[in-house]
């Protein structure tokens, strides 16, 4: 496959760096593999590590592409159905200054992989 970058190898959704390296007896090197899927599902590519002494080893890189999906299941223990009732804002009842009001949201990671989520504030 023709490569556009001399320092890395791009094959499908995977990029390996470095593309070429030298190892003396007893040396080790870190190979960095970046996975950037453009579709869902298991993606697999076959690689051949070729040495200048005419030997080669066959390897396979495998990654799993998944769409992230976070669902709100319920608000205050009442089930929410977003298909029939789109939900964009959480409403609070009127309250007096210096008092507080609390709502409970149950969310579910519906993606097939574990994903760390966090809240962000935006204006």
PDB file of N, CA and C in Angstrom:
ATOM      1  N   UNK A   1       0.844  -1.177   0.000  1.00  0.00           N
ATOM      2  CA  UNK A   1       0.000   0.000   0.000  1.00  0.00           C
ATOM      3  C   UNK A   1       0.892   1.244   0.000  1.00  0.00           C
ATOM      4  N   UNK A   2       0.580   2.199  -0.836  1.00  0.00           N
ATOM      5  CA  UNK A   2       1.381   3.418  -0.909  1.00  0.00           C
ATOM      6  C   UNK A   2       1.116   4.285   0.312  1.00  0.00           C
ATOM      7  N   UNK A   3       2.209   4.697   0.971  1.00  0.00           N
ATOM      8  CA  UNK A   3       2.117   5.502   2.184  1.00  0.00           C
ATOM      9  C   UNK A   3       2.476   6.944   1.869  1.00  0.00           C
ATOM     10  N   UNK A   4       1.765   7.868   2.515  1.00  0.00           N
ATOM     11  CA  UNK A   4       2.037   9.287   2.285  1.00  0.00           C
ATOM     12  C   UNK A   4       2.970   9.862   3.335  1.00  0.00           C
ATOM     13  N   UNK A   5       3.142   9.171   4.458  1.00  0.00           N
ATOM     14  CA  UNK A   5       3.995   9.643   5.544  1.00  0.00           C
ATOM     15  C   UNK A   5       5.102   8.614   5.758  1.00  0.00           C
ATOM     16  N   UNK A   6       6.344   9.038   5.666  1.00  0.00           N
ATOM     17  CA  UNK A   6       7.471   8.118   5.801  1.00  0.00           C
ATOM     18  C   UNK A   6       7.638   7.616   7.232  1.00  0.00           C
ATOM     19  N   UNK A   7       7.087   8.320   8.226  1.00  0.00           N
ATOM     20  CA  UNK A   7       7.273   7.945   9.625  1.00  0.00           C
ATOM     21  C   UNK A   7       6.201   7.010  10.160  1.00  0.00           C
ATOM     22  N   UNK A   8       5.106   6.832   9.445  1.00  0.00           N
ATOM     23  CA  UNK A   8       4.035   5.982   9.954  1.00  0.00           C
ATOM     24  C   UNK A   8       3.417   5.171   8.825  1.00  0.00           C
ATOM     25  N   UNK A   9       2.715   4.117   9.222  1.00  0.00           N
ATOM     26  CA  UNK A   9       2.018   3.266   8.265  1.00  0.00           C
ATOM     27  C   UNK A   9       0.533   3.371   8.565  1.00  0.00           C
ATOM     28  N   UNK A  10      -0.256   3.682   7.568  1.00  0.00           N
ATOM     29  CA  UNK A  10      -1.711   3.744   7.728  1.00  0.00           C
ATOM     30  C   UNK A  10      -2.313   2.568   6.973  1.00  0.00           C
ATOM     31  N   UNK A  11      -3.086   1.776   7.712  1.00  0.00           N
ATOM     32  CA  UNK A  11      -3.757   0.641   7.101  1.00  0.00           C
ATOM     33  C   UNK A  11      -5.176   0.600   7.660  1.00  0.00           C
ATOM     34  N   UNK A  12      -6.149   0.898   6.808  1.00  0.00           N
ATOM     35  CA  UNK A  12      -7.537   0.964   7.256  1.00  0.00           C
ATOM     36  C   UNK A  12      -7.707   2.041   8.308  1.00  0.00           C
ATOM     37  N   UNK A  13      -8.261   1.680   9.453  1.00  0.00           N
ATOM     38  CA  UNK A  13      -8.488   2.619  10.553  1.00  0.00           C
ATOM     39  C   UNK A  13      -7.320   2.684  11.523  1.00  0.00           C
ATOM     40  N   UNK A  14      -6.219   2.024  11.219  1.00  0.00           N
ATOM     41  CA  UNK A  14      -5.066   1.948  12.110  1.00  0.00           C
ATOM     42  C   UNK A  14      -3.877   2.725  11.550  1.00  0.00           C
ATOM     43  N   UNK A  15      -3.134   3.351  12.440  1.00  0.00           N
ATOM     44  CA  UNK A  15      -1.875   3.995  12.067  1.00  0.00           C
ATOM     45  C   UNK A  15      -0.804   3.484  13.016  1.00  0.00           C
ATOM     46  N   UNK A  16       0.297   3.010  12.474  1.00  0.00           N
ATOM     47  CA  UNK A  16       1.411   2.496  13.270  1.00  0.00           C
ATOM     48  C   UNK A  16       2.611   3.414  13.111  1.00  0.00           C
ATOM     49  N   UNK A  17       3.286   3.647  14.226  1.00  0.00           N
ATOM     50  CA  UNK A  17       4.446   4.524  14.221  1.00  0.00           C
ATOM     51  C   UNK A  17       5.490   3.964  15.177  1.00  0.00           C
ATOM     52  N   UNK A  18       6.727   3.803  14.780  1.00  0.00           N
ATOM     53  CA  UNK A  18       7.354   4.187  13.515  1.00  0.00           C
ATOM     54  C   UNK A  18       7.109   3.146  12.424  1.00  0.00           C
ATOM     55  N   UNK A  19       7.291   3.570  11.192  1.00  0.00           N
ATOM     56  CA  UNK A  19       7.105   2.687  10.048  1.00  0.00           C
ATOM     57  C   UNK A  19       8.318   1.776   9.847  1.00  0.00           C
ATOM     58  N   UNK A  20       9.455   2.264  10.256  1.00  0.00           N
ATOM     59  CA  UNK A  20      10.706   1.530  10.067  1.00  0.00           C
ATOM     60  C   UNK A  20      11.567   1.714  11.304  1.00  0.00           C
ATOM     61  N   UNK A  21      12.257   0.677  11.735  1.00  0.00           N
ATOM     62  CA  UNK A  21      13.089   0.785  12.931  1.00  0.00           C
ATOM     63  C   UNK A  21      14.211  -0.253  12.869  1.00  0.00           C
ATOM     64  N   UNK A  22      15.229  -0.020  13.667  1.00  0.00           N
ATOM     65  CA  UNK A  22      16.379  -0.915  13.759  1.00  0.00           C
ATOM     66  C   UNK A  22      16.505  -1.372  15.202  1.00  0.00           C
ATOM     67  N   UNK A  23      16.739  -2.663  15.392  1.00  0.00           N
ATOM     68  CA  UNK A  23      16.914  -3.206  16.731  1.00  0.00           C
ATOM     69  C   UNK A  23      18.195  -4.034  16.772  1.00  0.00           C
ATOM     70  N   UNK A  24      19.024  -3.720  17.734  1.00  0.00           N
ATOM     71  CA  UNK A  24      20.201  -4.538  17.985  1.00  0.00           C
ATOM     72  C   UNK A  24      19.825  -5.622  18.979  1.00  0.00           C
ATOM     73  N   UNK A  25      20.632  -6.630  19.126  1.00  0.00           N
ATOM     74  CA  UNK A  25      20.353  -7.732  20.033  1.00  0.00           C
ATOM     75  C   UNK A  25      20.050  -7.208  21.442  1.00  0.00           C
ATOM     76  N   UNK A  26      18.934  -7.625  21.994  1.00  0.00           N
ATOM     77  CA  UNK A  26      18.552  -7.211  23.342  1.00  0.00           C
ATOM     78  C   UNK A  26      17.792  -5.893  23.415  1.00  0.00           C
ATOM     79  N   UNK A  27      17.701  -5.164  22.298  1.00  0.00           N
ATOM     80  CA  UNK A  27      16.964  -3.892  22.295  1.00  0.00           C
ATOM     81  C   UNK A  27      15.462  -4.130  22.175  1.00  0.00           C
ATOM     82  N   UNK A  28      14.704  -3.113  22.584  1.00  0.00           N
ATOM     83  CA  UNK A  28      13.246  -3.135  22.459  1.00  0.00           C
ATOM     84  C   UNK A  28      12.798  -1.772  21.948  1.00  0.00           C
ATOM     85  N   UNK A  29      11.605  -1.730  21.392  1.00  0.00           N
ATOM     86  CA  UNK A  29      11.054  -0.471  20.891  1.00  0.00           C
ATOM     87  C   UNK A  29       9.550  -0.462  21.132  1.00  0.00           C
ATOM     88  N   UNK A  30       9.008   0.714  21.378  1.00  0.00           N
ATOM     89  CA  UNK A  30       7.566   0.875  21.504  1.00  0.00           C
ATOM     90  C   UNK A  30       6.997   1.188  20.123  1.00  0.00           C
ATOM     91  N   UNK A  31       5.980   0.442  19.741  1.00  0.00           N
ATOM     92  CA  UNK A  31       5.252   0.704  18.505  1.00  0.00           C
ATOM     93  C   UNK A  31       3.916   1.321  18.923  1.00  0.00           C
ATOM     94  N   UNK A  32       3.615   2.498  18.428  1.00  0.00           N
ATOM     95  CA  UNK A  32       2.377   3.190  18.766  1.00  0.00           C
ATOM     96  C   UNK A  32       1.344   2.896  17.695  1.00  0.00           C
ATOM     97  N   UNK A  33       0.204   2.385  18.134  1.00  0.00           N
ATOM     98  CA  UNK A  33      -0.889   2.058  17.222  1.00  0.00           C
ATOM     99  C   UNK A  33      -2.055   2.966  17.566  1.00  0.00           C
ATOM    100  N   UNK A  34      -2.505   3.743  16.583  1.00  0.00           N
ATOM    101  CA  UNK A  34      -3.663   4.623  16.748  1.00  0.00           C
ATOM    102  C   UNK A  34      -4.835   4.007  16.006  1.00  0.00           C
ATOM    103  N   UNK A  35      -5.972   3.976  16.680  1.00  0.00           N
ATOM    104  CA  UNK A  35      -7.184   3.412  16.082  1.00  0.00           C
ATOM    105  C   UNK A  35      -8.193   4.534  15.927  1.00  0.00           C
ATOM    106  N   UNK A  36      -8.589   4.818  14.689  1.00  0.00           N
ATOM    107  CA  UNK A  36      -9.533   5.883  14.387  1.00  0.00           C
ATOM    108  C   UNK A  36     -10.613   5.310  13.454  1.00  0.00           C
ATOM    109  N   UNK A  37     -11.610   4.610  14.036  1.00  0.00           N
ATOM    110  CA  UNK A  37     -12.603   3.938  13.187  1.00  0.00           C
ATOM    111  C   UNK A  37     -13.538   4.917  12.507  1.00  0.00           C
ATOM    112  N   UNK A  38     -13.958   4.575  11.304  1.00  0.00           N
ATOM    113  CA  UNK A  38     -14.941   5.395  10.586  1.00  0.00           C
ATOM    114  C   UNK A  38     -16.268   4.660  10.437  1.00  0.00           C
ATOM    115  N   UNK A  39     -16.376   3.501  11.120  1.00  0.00           N
ATOM    116  CA  UNK A  39     -17.629   2.756  11.098  1.00  0.00           C
ATOM    117  C   UNK A  39     -17.735   1.917  12.368  1.00  0.00           C
ATOM    118  N   UNK A  40     -18.931   1.410  12.613  1.00  0.00           N
ATOM    119  CA  UNK A  40     -19.151   0.558  13.774  1.00  0.00           C
ATOM    120  C   UNK A  40     -18.750  -0.875  13.456  1.00  0.00           C
ATOM    121  N   UNK A  41     -18.457  -1.628  14.499  1.00  0.00           N
ATOM    122  CA  UNK A  41     -18.161  -3.043  14.346  1.00  0.00           C
ATOM    123  C   UNK A  41     -16.697  -3.342  14.545  1.00  0.00           C
ATOM    124  N   UNK A  42     -16.368  -4.608  14.399  1.00  0.00           N
ATOM    125  CA  UNK A  42     -14.992  -5.061  14.556  1.00  0.00           C
ATOM    126  C   UNK A  42     -14.234  -4.824  13.253  1.00  0.00           C
ATOM    127  N   UNK A  43     -13.109  -4.138  13.376  1.00  0.00           N
ATOM    128  CA  UNK A  43     -12.266  -3.855  12.213  1.00  0.00           C
ATOM    129  C   UNK A  43     -10.941  -4.578  12.412  1.00  0.00           C
ATOM    130  N   UNK A  44     -10.488  -5.220  11.368  1.00  0.00           N
ATOM    131  CA  UNK A  44      -9.297  -6.058  11.453  1.00  0.00           C
ATOM    132  C   UNK A  44      -8.410  -5.830  10.241  1.00  0.00           C
ATOM    133  N   UNK A  45      -7.120  -5.713  10.491  1.00  0.00           N
ATOM    134  CA  UNK A  45      -6.157  -5.564   9.399  1.00  0.00           C
ATOM    135  C   UNK A  45      -4.990  -6.523   9.638  1.00  0.00           C
ATOM    136  N   UNK A  46      -4.466  -7.068   8.558  1.00  0.00           N
ATOM    137  CA  UNK A  46      -3.320  -7.983   8.642  1.00  0.00           C
ATOM    138  C   UNK A  46      -2.048  -7.231   8.286  1.00  0.00           C
ATOM    139  N   UNK A  47      -0.989  -7.522   9.021  1.00  0.00           N
ATOM    140  CA  UNK A  47       0.306  -6.864   8.813  1.00  0.00           C
ATOM    141  C   UNK A  47       1.407  -7.902   8.701  1.00  0.00           C
ATOM    142  N   UNK A  48       2.429  -7.555   7.976  1.00  0.00           N
ATOM    143  CA  UNK A  48       3.625  -8.391   7.906  1.00  0.00           C
ATOM    144  C   UNK A  48       4.794  -7.546   8.401  1.00  0.00           C
ATOM    145  N   UNK A  49       5.486  -8.032   9.421  1.00  0.00           N
ATOM    146  CA  UNK A  49       6.705  -7.382   9.908  1.00  0.00           C
ATOM    147  C   UNK A  49       7.870  -8.047   9.175  1.00  0.00           C
ATOM    148  N   UNK A  50       8.465  -7.310   8.257  1.00  0.00           N
ATOM    149  CA  UNK A  50       9.523  -7.863   7.411  1.00  0.00           C
ATOM    150  C   UNK A  50      10.883  -7.396   7.908  1.00  0.00           C
ATOM    151  N   UNK A  51      11.821  -8.304   7.957  1.00  0.00           N
ATOM    152  CA  UNK A  51      13.186  -8.004   8.388  1.00  0.00           C
ATOM    153  C   UNK A  51      14.111  -8.055   7.173  1.00  0.00           C
ATOM    154  N   UNK A  52      15.224  -7.329   7.257  1.00  0.00           N
ATOM    155  CA  UNK A  52      16.135  -7.293   6.111  1.00  0.00           C
ATOM    156  C   UNK A  52      16.873  -8.615   5.891  1.00  0.00           C
ATOM    157  N   UNK A  53      16.740  -9.593   6.814  1.00  0.00           N
ATOM    158  CA  UNK A  53      17.384 -10.899   6.600  1.00  0.00           C
ATOM    159  C   UNK A  53      16.431 -11.893   5.908  1.00  0.00           C
ATOM    160  N   UNK A  54      15.382 -11.355   5.270  1.00  0.00           N
ATOM    161  CA  UNK A  54      14.409 -12.128   4.499  1.00  0.00           C
ATOM    162  C   UNK A  54      13.464 -12.969   5.365  1.00  0.00           C
ATOM    163  N   UNK A  55      13.341 -12.648   6.655  1.00  0.00           N
ATOM    164  CA  UNK A  55      12.349 -13.318   7.500  1.00  0.00           C
ATOM    165  C   UNK A  55      11.181 -12.367   7.720  1.00  0.00           C
ATOM    166  N   UNK A  56      10.040 -12.932   8.050  1.00  0.00           N
ATOM    167  CA  UNK A  56       8.876 -12.099   8.331  1.00  0.00           C
ATOM    168  C   UNK A  56       7.974 -12.776   9.350  1.00  0.00           C
ATOM    169  N   UNK A  57       7.221 -11.940  10.027  1.00  0.00           N
ATOM    170  CA  UNK A  57       6.236 -12.397  11.009  1.00  0.00           C
ATOM    171  C   UNK A  57       4.890 -11.782  10.620  1.00  0.00           C
ATOM    172  N   UNK A  58       3.848 -12.537  10.799  1.00  0.00           N
ATOM    173  CA  UNK A  58       2.512 -12.081  10.449  1.00  0.00           C
ATOM    174  C   UNK A  58       1.761 -11.680  11.717  1.00  0.00           C
ATOM    175  N   UNK A  59       1.116 -10.529  11.677  1.00  0.00           N
ATOM    176  CA  UNK A  59       0.355 -10.003  12.810  1.00  0.00           C
ATOM    177  C   UNK A  59      -1.009  -9.536  12.330  1.00  0.00           C
ATOM    178  N   UNK A  60      -1.889  -9.359  13.306  1.00  0.00           N
ATOM    179  CA  UNK A  60      -3.220  -8.865  13.020  1.00  0.00           C
ATOM    180  C   UNK A  60      -3.523  -7.800  14.076  1.00  0.00           C
ATOM    181  N   UNK A  61      -4.051  -6.645  13.654  1.00  0.00           N
ATOM    182  CA  UNK A  61      -4.529  -5.634  14.592  1.00  0.00           C
ATOM    183  C   UNK A  61      -6.051  -5.625  14.494  1.00  0.00           C
ATOM    184  N   UNK A  62      -6.696  -5.584  15.653  1.00  0.00           N
ATOM    185  CA  UNK A  62      -8.150  -5.655  15.717  1.00  0.00           C
ATOM    186  C   UNK A  62      -8.646  -4.533  16.615  1.00  0.00           C
ATOM    187  N   UNK A  63      -9.656  -3.825  16.168  1.00  0.00           N
ATOM    188  CA  UNK A  63     -10.281  -2.772  16.967  1.00  0.00           C
ATOM    189  C   UNK A  63     -11.789  -2.865  16.826  1.00  0.00           C
ATOM    190  N   UNK A  64     -12.458  -2.298  17.802  1.00  0.00           N
ATOM    191  CA  UNK A  64     -13.918  -2.330  17.782  1.00  0.00           C
ATOM    192  C   UNK A  64     -14.440  -0.906  17.761  1.00  0.00           C
ATOM    193  N   UNK A  65     -15.083  -0.531  16.679  1.00  0.00           N
ATOM    194  CA  UNK A  65     -15.676   0.799  16.559  1.00  0.00           C
ATOM    195  C   UNK A  65     -17.100   0.773  17.093  1.00  0.00           C
ATOM    196  N   UNK A  66     -17.426   1.748  17.928  1.00  0.00           N
ATOM    197  CA  UNK A  66     -18.765   1.782  18.519  1.00  0.00           C
ATOM    198  C   UNK A  66     -19.282   3.209  18.537  1.00  0.00           C
ATOM    199  N   UNK A  67     -20.576   3.358  18.295  1.00  0.00           N
ATOM    200  CA  UNK A  67     -21.219   4.659  18.435  1.00  0.00           C
ATOM    201  C   UNK A  67     -21.514   4.884  19.901  1.00  0.00           C
ATOM    202  N   UNK A  68     -21.181   6.072  20.390  1.00  0.00           N
ATOM    203  CA  UNK A  68     -21.473   6.395  21.779  1.00  0.00           C
ATOM    204  C   UNK A  68     -22.948   6.719  21.906  1.00  0.00           C
ATOM    205  N   UNK A  69     -23.545   6.204  22.951  1.00  0.00           N
ATOM    206  CA  UNK A  69     -24.978   6.389  23.121  1.00  0.00           C
ATOM    207  C   UNK A  69     -25.287   6.443  24.611  1.00  0.00           C
ATOM    208  N   UNK A  70     -25.731   7.599  25.065  1.00  0.00           N
ATOM    209  CA  UNK A  70     -26.111   7.795  26.456  1.00  0.00           C
ATOM    210  C   UNK A  70     -27.599   8.114  26.494  1.00  0.00           C
ATOM    211  N   UNK A  71     -28.358   7.364  27.271  1.00  0.00           N
ATOM    212  CA  UNK A  71     -29.807   7.561  27.346  1.00  0.00           C
ATOM    213  C   UNK A  71     -30.209   8.009  28.739  1.00  0.00           C
ATOM    214  N   UNK A  72     -31.180   8.899  28.808  1.00  0.00           N
ATOM    215  CA  UNK A  72     -31.820   9.227  30.077  1.00  0.00           C
ATOM    216  C   UNK A  72     -32.996   8.272  30.214  1.00  0.00           C
ATOM    217  N   UNK A  73     -32.964   7.466  31.253  1.00  0.00           N
ATOM    218  CA  UNK A  73     -33.970   6.425  31.454  1.00  0.00           C
ATOM    219  C   UNK A  73     -35.172   6.972  32.214  1.00  0.00           C
ATOM    220  N   UNK A  74     -34.888   7.745  33.268  1.00  0.00           N
ATOM    221  CA  UNK A  74     -36.000   8.264  34.066  1.00  0.00           C
ATOM    222  C   UNK A  74     -35.606   9.566  34.737  1.00  0.00           C
ATOM    223  N   UNK A  75     -36.617  10.343  35.089  1.00  0.00           N
ATOM    224  CA  UNK A  75     -36.456  11.566  35.878  1.00  0.00           C
ATOM    225  C   UNK A  75     -37.379  11.415  37.079  1.00  0.00           C
ATOM    226  N   UNK A  76     -36.791  11.505  38.270  1.00  0.00           N
ATOM    227  CA  UNK A  76     -37.547  11.317  39.518  1.00  0.00           C
ATOM    228  C   UNK A  76     -38.333  10.002  39.503  1.00  0.00           C
ATOM    229  N   UNK A  77     -37.665   8.943  39.040  1.00  0.00           N
ATOM    230  CA  UNK A  77     -38.234   7.587  38.977  1.00  0.00           C
ATOM    231  C   UNK A  77     -39.418   7.458  38.025  1.00  0.00           C
ATOM    232  N   UNK A  78     -39.605   8.428  37.146  1.00  0.00           N
ATOM    233  CA  UNK A  78     -40.643   8.331  36.123  1.00  0.00           C
ATOM    234  C   UNK A  78     -39.956   8.106  34.782  1.00  0.00           C
ATOM    235  N   UNK A  79     -40.330   7.033  34.107  1.00  0.00           N
ATOM    236  CA  UNK A  79     -39.698   6.667  32.848  1.00  0.00           C
ATOM    237  C   UNK A  79     -39.888   7.762  31.801  1.00  0.00           C
ATOM    238  N   UNK A  80     -38.826   7.981  31.009  1.00  0.00           N
ATOM    239  CA  UNK A  80     -38.852   8.988  29.947  1.00  0.00           C
ATOM    240  C   UNK A  80     -38.751   8.258  28.610  1.00  0.00           C
ATOM    241  N   UNK A  81     -39.640   8.569  27.690  1.00  0.00           N
ATOM    242  CA  UNK A  81     -39.612   7.997  26.348  1.00  0.00           C
ATOM    243  C   UNK A  81     -39.315   9.125  25.364  1.00  0.00           C
ATOM    244  N   UNK A  82     -38.068   9.200  24.910  1.00  0.00           N
ATOM    245  CA  UNK A  82     -37.637  10.306  24.063  1.00  0.00           C
ATOM    246  C   UNK A  82     -38.164  10.213  22.639  1.00  0.00           C
ATOM    247  N   UNK A  83     -38.568   9.038  22.229  1.00  0.00           N
ATOM    248  CA  UNK A  83     -39.084   8.909  20.864  1.00  0.00           C
ATOM    249  C   UNK A  83     -40.444   9.604  20.737  1.00  0.00           C
ATOM    250  N   UNK A  84     -41.253   9.500  21.774  1.00  0.00           N
ATOM    251  CA  UNK A  84     -42.564  10.144  21.715  1.00  0.00           C
ATOM    252  C   UNK A  84     -42.591  11.492  22.416  1.00  0.00           C
ATOM    253  N   UNK A  85     -41.603  11.740  23.292  1.00  0.00           N
ATOM    254  CA  UNK A  85     -41.571  12.986  24.057  1.00  0.00           C
ATOM    255  C   UNK A  85     -40.134  13.501  24.116  1.00  0.00           C
ATOM    256  N   UNK A  86     -39.670  14.235  23.099  1.00  0.00           N
ATOM    257  CA  UNK A  86     -38.300  14.749  23.110  1.00  0.00           C
ATOM    258  C   UNK A  86     -38.045  15.600  24.357  1.00  0.00           C
ATOM    259  N   UNK A  87     -36.873  15.455  24.914  1.00  0.00           N
ATOM    260  CA  UNK A  87     -36.533  16.085  26.188  1.00  0.00           C
ATOM    261  C   UNK A  87     -35.261  16.903  25.993  1.00  0.00           C
ATOM    262  N   UNK A  88     -35.341  18.204  26.115  1.00  0.00           N
ATOM    263  CA  UNK A  88     -34.161  19.034  25.913  1.00  0.00           C
ATOM    264  C   UNK A  88     -33.734  19.760  27.178  1.00  0.00           C
ATOM    265  N   UNK A  89     -34.688  20.081  28.056  1.00  0.00           N
ATOM    266  CA  UNK A  89     -34.388  20.876  29.233  1.00  0.00           C
ATOM    267  C   UNK A  89     -35.005  20.220  30.458  1.00  0.00           C
ATOM    268  N   UNK A  90     -34.293  20.270  31.573  1.00  0.00           N
ATOM    269  CA  UNK A  90     -34.861  19.784  32.823  1.00  0.00           C
ATOM    270  C   UNK A  90     -35.513  20.959  33.530  1.00  0.00           C
ATOM    271  N   UNK A  91     -36.801  20.855  33.795  1.00  0.00           N
ATOM    272  CA  UNK A  91     -37.540  21.930  34.438  1.00  0.00           C
ATOM    273  C   UNK A  91     -37.629  21.704  35.938  1.00  0.00           C
ATOM    274  N   UNK A  92     -37.569  22.794  36.677  1.00  0.00           N
ATOM    275  CA  UNK A  92     -37.760  22.772  38.127  1.00  0.00           C
ATOM    276  C   UNK A  92     -38.979  23.607  38.463  1.00  0.00           C
ATOM    277  N   UNK A  93     -39.701  23.167  39.458  1.00  0.00           N
ATOM    278  CA  UNK A  93     -40.858  23.914  39.922  1.00  0.00           C
ATOM    279  C   UNK A  93     -40.404  25.240  40.527  1.00  0.00           C
ATOM    280  N   UNK A  94     -41.318  26.201  40.620  1.00  0.00           N
ATOM    281  CA  UNK A  94     -40.989  27.475  41.268  1.00  0.00           C
ATOM    282  C   UNK A  94     -40.570  27.224  42.713  1.00  0.00           C
ATOM    283  N   UNK A  95     -39.565  27.965  43.132  1.00  0.00           N
ATOM    284  CA  UNK A  95     -39.080  27.815  44.497  1.00  0.00           C
ATOM    285  C   UNK A  95     -38.662  29.175  45.039  1.00  0.00           C
ATOM    286  N   UNK A  96     -38.594  29.298  46.346  1.00  0.00           N
ATOM    287  CA  UNK A  96     -38.209  30.551  46.983  1.00  0.00           C
ATOM    288  C   UNK A  96     -36.700  30.689  47.004  1.00  0.00           C
ATOM    289  N   UNK A  97     -36.191  31.945  46.961  1.00  0.00           N
ATOM    290  CA  UNK A  97     -34.744  32.145  47.100  1.00  0.00           C
ATOM    291  C   UNK A  97     -34.253  31.523  48.406  1.00  0.00           C
ATOM    292  N   UNK A  98     -33.035  31.030  48.380  1.00  0.00           N
ATOM    293  CA  UNK A  98     -32.316  30.364  49.481  1.00  0.00           C
ATOM    294  C   UNK A  98     -32.853  28.969  49.786  1.00  0.00           C
ATOM    295  N   UNK A  99     -33.883  28.510  49.106  1.00  0.00           N
ATOM    296  CA  UNK A  99     -34.310  27.123  49.274  1.00  0.00           C
ATOM    297  C   UNK A  99     -33.699  26.309  48.130  1.00  0.00           C
ATOM    298  N   UNK A 100     -33.792  25.006  48.217  1.00  0.00           N
ATOM    299  CA  UNK A 100     -33.257  24.207  47.113  1.00  0.00           C
ATOM    300  C   UNK A 100     -34.316  23.250  46.601  1.00  0.00           C
ATOM    301  N   UNK A 101     -34.096  22.796  45.394  1.00  0.00           N
ATOM    302  CA  UNK A 101     -34.993  21.861  44.732  1.00  0.00           C
ATOM    303  C   UNK A 101     -34.109  20.800  44.096  1.00  0.00           C
ATOM    304  N   UNK A 102     -34.565  19.570  44.126  1.00  0.00           N
ATOM    305  CA  UNK A 102     -33.718  18.477  43.669  1.00  0.00           C
ATOM    306  C   UNK A 102     -34.484  17.585  42.699  1.00  0.00           C
ATOM    307  N   UNK A 103     -33.790  17.135  41.634  1.00  0.00           N
ATOM    308  CA  UNK A 103     -34.351  16.181  40.669  1.00  0.00           C
ATOM    309  C   UNK A 103     -33.350  15.030  40.562  1.00  0.00           C
ATOM    310  N   UNK A 104     -33.837  13.866  40.249  1.00  0.00           N
ATOM    311  CA  UNK A 104     -32.975  12.693  40.090  1.00  0.00           C
ATOM    312  C   UNK A 104     -33.094  12.193  38.653  1.00  0.00           C
ATOM    313  N   UNK A 105     -31.947  12.091  37.994  1.00  0.00           N
ATOM    314  CA  UNK A 105     -31.906  11.607  36.614  1.00  0.00           C
ATOM    315  C   UNK A 105     -31.201  10.253  36.618  1.00  0.00           C
ATOM    316  N   UNK A 106     -31.799   9.278  35.986  1.00  0.00           N
ATOM    317  CA  UNK A 106     -31.145   7.984  35.809  1.00  0.00           C
ATOM    318  C   UNK A 106     -30.691   7.900  34.367  1.00  0.00           C
ATOM    319  N   UNK A 107     -29.371   7.725  34.159  1.00  0.00           N
ATOM    320  CA  UNK A 107     -28.818   7.645  32.806  1.00  0.00           C
ATOM    321  C   UNK A 107     -28.209   6.265  32.591  1.00  0.00           C
ATOM    322  N   UNK A 108     -28.114   5.888  31.328  1.00  0.00           N
ATOM    323  CA  UNK A 108     -27.599   4.570  30.970  1.00  0.00           C
ATOM    324  C   UNK A 108     -26.650   4.701  29.786  1.00  0.00           C
ATOM    325  N   UNK A 109     -25.502   4.070  29.894  1.00  0.00           N
ATOM    326  CA  UNK A 109     -24.576   3.983  28.772  1.00  0.00           C
ATOM    327  C   UNK A 109     -25.083   2.865  27.865  1.00  0.00           C
ATOM    328  N   UNK A 110     -25.631   3.222  26.717  1.00  0.00           N
ATOM    329  CA  UNK A 110     -26.169   2.233  25.787  1.00  0.00           C
ATOM    330  C   UNK A 110     -25.153   1.832  24.723  1.00  0.00           C
ATOM    331  N   UNK A 111     -23.932   2.339  24.838  1.00  0.00           N
ATOM    332  CA  UNK A 111     -22.867   1.945  23.911  1.00  0.00           C
ATOM    333  C   UNK A 111     -22.387   0.540  24.281  1.00  0.00           C
ATOM    334  N   UNK A 112     -21.863  -0.216  23.326  1.00  0.00           N
ATOM    335  CA  UNK A 112     -21.399  -1.570  23.626  1.00  0.00           C
ATOM    336  C   UNK A 112     -20.026  -1.605  24.303  1.00  0.00           C
ATOM    337  N   UNK A 113     -19.460  -0.443  24.612  1.00  0.00           N
ATOM    338  CA  UNK A 113     -18.162  -0.393  25.285  1.00  0.00           C
ATOM    339  C   UNK A 113     -18.255   0.524  26.499  1.00  0.00           C
ATOM    340  N   UNK A 114     -17.395   0.336  27.499  1.00  0.00           N
ATOM    341  CA  UNK A 114     -17.403   1.263  28.633  1.00  0.00           C
ATOM    342  C   UNK A 114     -16.857   2.627  28.201  1.00  0.00           C
ATOM    343  N   UNK A 115     -17.533   3.696  28.604  1.00  0.00           N
ATOM    344  CA  UNK A 115     -17.134   5.046  28.214  1.00  0.00           C
ATOM    345  C   UNK A 115     -17.148   5.937  29.451  1.00  0.00           C
ATOM    346  N   UNK A 116     -16.054   6.671  29.723  1.00  0.00           N
ATOM    347  CA  UNK A 116     -16.085   7.608  30.855  1.00  0.00           C
ATOM    348  C   UNK A 116     -16.807   8.893  30.447  1.00  0.00           C
ATOM    349  N   UNK A 117     -17.879   9.209  31.138  1.00  0.00           N
ATOM    350  CA  UNK A 117     -18.641  10.426  30.873  1.00  0.00           C
ATOM    351  C   UNK A 117     -18.357  11.429  31.978  1.00  0.00           C
ATOM    352  N   UNK A 118     -18.548  12.708  31.695  1.00  0.00           N
ATOM    353  CA  UNK A 118     -18.446  13.741  32.726  1.00  0.00           C
ATOM    354  C   UNK A 118     -19.350  14.915  32.336  1.00  0.00           C
ATOM    355  N   UNK A 119     -19.721  15.687  33.320  1.00  0.00           N
ATOM    356  CA  UNK A 119     -20.544  16.874  33.075  1.00  0.00           C
ATOM    357  C   UNK A 119     -19.647  18.023  32.702  1.00  0.00           C
ATOM    358  N   UNK A 120     -20.106  18.862  31.787  1.00  0.00           N
ATOM    359  CA  UNK A 120     -19.404  20.092  31.422  1.00  0.00           C
ATOM    360  C   UNK A 120     -20.393  21.242  31.473  1.00  0.00           C
ATOM    361  N   UNK A 121     -19.897  22.414  31.816  1.00  0.00           N
ATOM    362  CA  UNK A 121     -20.740  23.600  31.862  1.00  0.00           C
ATOM    363  C   UNK A 121     -20.457  24.419  30.615  1.00  0.00           C
ATOM    364  N   UNK A 122     -21.508  24.848  29.936  1.00  0.00           N
ATOM    365  CA  UNK A 122     -21.336  25.697  28.760  1.00  0.00           C
ATOM    366  C   UNK A 122     -22.341  26.823  28.810  1.00  0.00           C
ATOM    367  N   UNK A 123     -22.015  27.915  28.155  1.00  0.00           N
ATOM    368  CA  UNK A 123     -22.895  29.074  28.146  1.00  0.00           C
ATOM    369  C   UNK A 123     -23.415  29.318  26.757  1.00  0.00           C
TER     370      UNK A 123
END
